[in-house]
Protein backbone atom coordinates (compact mmCIF):
# COMPACT_ATOMS: atom_id res chain seq x y z
CA UNK A 1 -30.18 18.19 0.78
CA UNK A 2 -31.23 14.58 1.27
CA UNK A 3 -30.68 13.05 4.73
CA UNK A 4 -28.87 10.00 3.28
CA UNK A 5 -26.22 12.24 1.67
CA UNK A 6 -25.04 13.42 5.10
CA UNK A 7 -24.85 10.00 6.77
CA UNK A 8 -21.44 8.60 7.58
CA UNK A 9 -20.04 5.63 5.70
CA UNK A 10 -20.06 2.45 7.81
CA UNK A 11 -16.94 0.36 7.21
CA UNK A 12 -16.97 -3.42 7.60
CA UNK A 13 -15.71 -4.90 10.89
CA UNK A 14 -12.16 -6.26 11.18
CA UNK A 15 -13.63 -9.77 11.00
CA UNK A 16 -14.35 -9.14 7.30
CA UNK A 17 -12.73 -11.86 5.18
CA UNK A 18 -11.59 -9.60 2.33
CA UNK A 19 -7.92 -8.80 1.76
CA UNK A 20 -4.80 -10.77 2.52
CA UNK A 21 -3.70 -12.12 5.87
CA UNK A 22 -0.27 -13.29 7.03
CA UNK A 23 -0.18 -17.09 7.26
CA UNK A 24 2.27 -16.97 10.15
CA UNK A 25 0.75 -14.39 12.54
CA UNK A 26 -2.64 -13.39 11.07
CA UNK A 27 -1.71 -9.70 10.65
CA UNK A 28 -3.30 -7.74 7.77
CA UNK A 29 -0.61 -5.04 7.48
CA UNK A 30 2.00 -5.44 4.75
CA UNK A 31 4.85 -3.46 3.26
CA UNK A 32 5.36 -3.67 -0.53
CA UNK A 33 9.04 -4.46 -1.16
CA UNK A 34 8.89 -4.24 -4.95
CA UNK A 35 6.46 -4.34 -7.87
CA UNK A 36 7.07 -5.85 -11.31
CA UNK A 37 5.07 -6.29 -14.49
CA UNK A 38 4.53 -9.94 -15.34
CA UNK A 39 3.30 -11.85 -18.37
CA UNK A 40 -0.29 -11.36 -19.48
CA UNK A 41 -0.38 -7.79 -18.19
CA UNK A 42 -0.48 -8.96 -14.58
CA UNK A 43 1.34 -7.24 -11.72
CA UNK A 44 3.55 -9.10 -9.25
CA UNK A 45 4.13 -7.57 -5.82
CA UNK A 46 6.51 -8.90 -3.18
CA UNK A 47 5.13 -8.08 0.27
CA UNK A 48 6.43 -8.35 3.83
CA UNK A 49 4.33 -8.61 6.98
CA UNK A 50 4.94 -5.57 9.19
CA UNK A 51 4.48 -7.65 12.33
CA UNK A 52 6.54 -10.83 11.84
CA UNK A 53 8.52 -10.16 8.63
CA UNK A 54 7.20 -13.15 6.65
CA UNK A 55 7.32 -12.48 2.91
CA UNK A 56 4.78 -13.40 0.24
CA UNK A 57 4.16 -12.79 -3.45
CA UNK A 58 0.82 -11.54 -4.73
CA UNK A 59 -0.36 -11.53 -8.35
CA UNK A 60 -2.88 -8.90 -9.44
CA UNK A 61 -4.99 -8.49 -12.54
CA UNK A 62 -4.93 -5.09 -14.23
CA UNK A 63 -7.85 -3.01 -13.92
């Protein structure tokens, strides 16, 4: 077996800029309240920050 196959995956640090962040408190943990299909095959999700309760809508592309 190759040595690289047994190495552990290194995840990016919390300072990574990917993902969404609450505009009010900066938290990155959200609860999905509901999901709906939208025009053009997109997906709309209504999310709520688990820390402060601020709500936001995200639009996602299929695929």
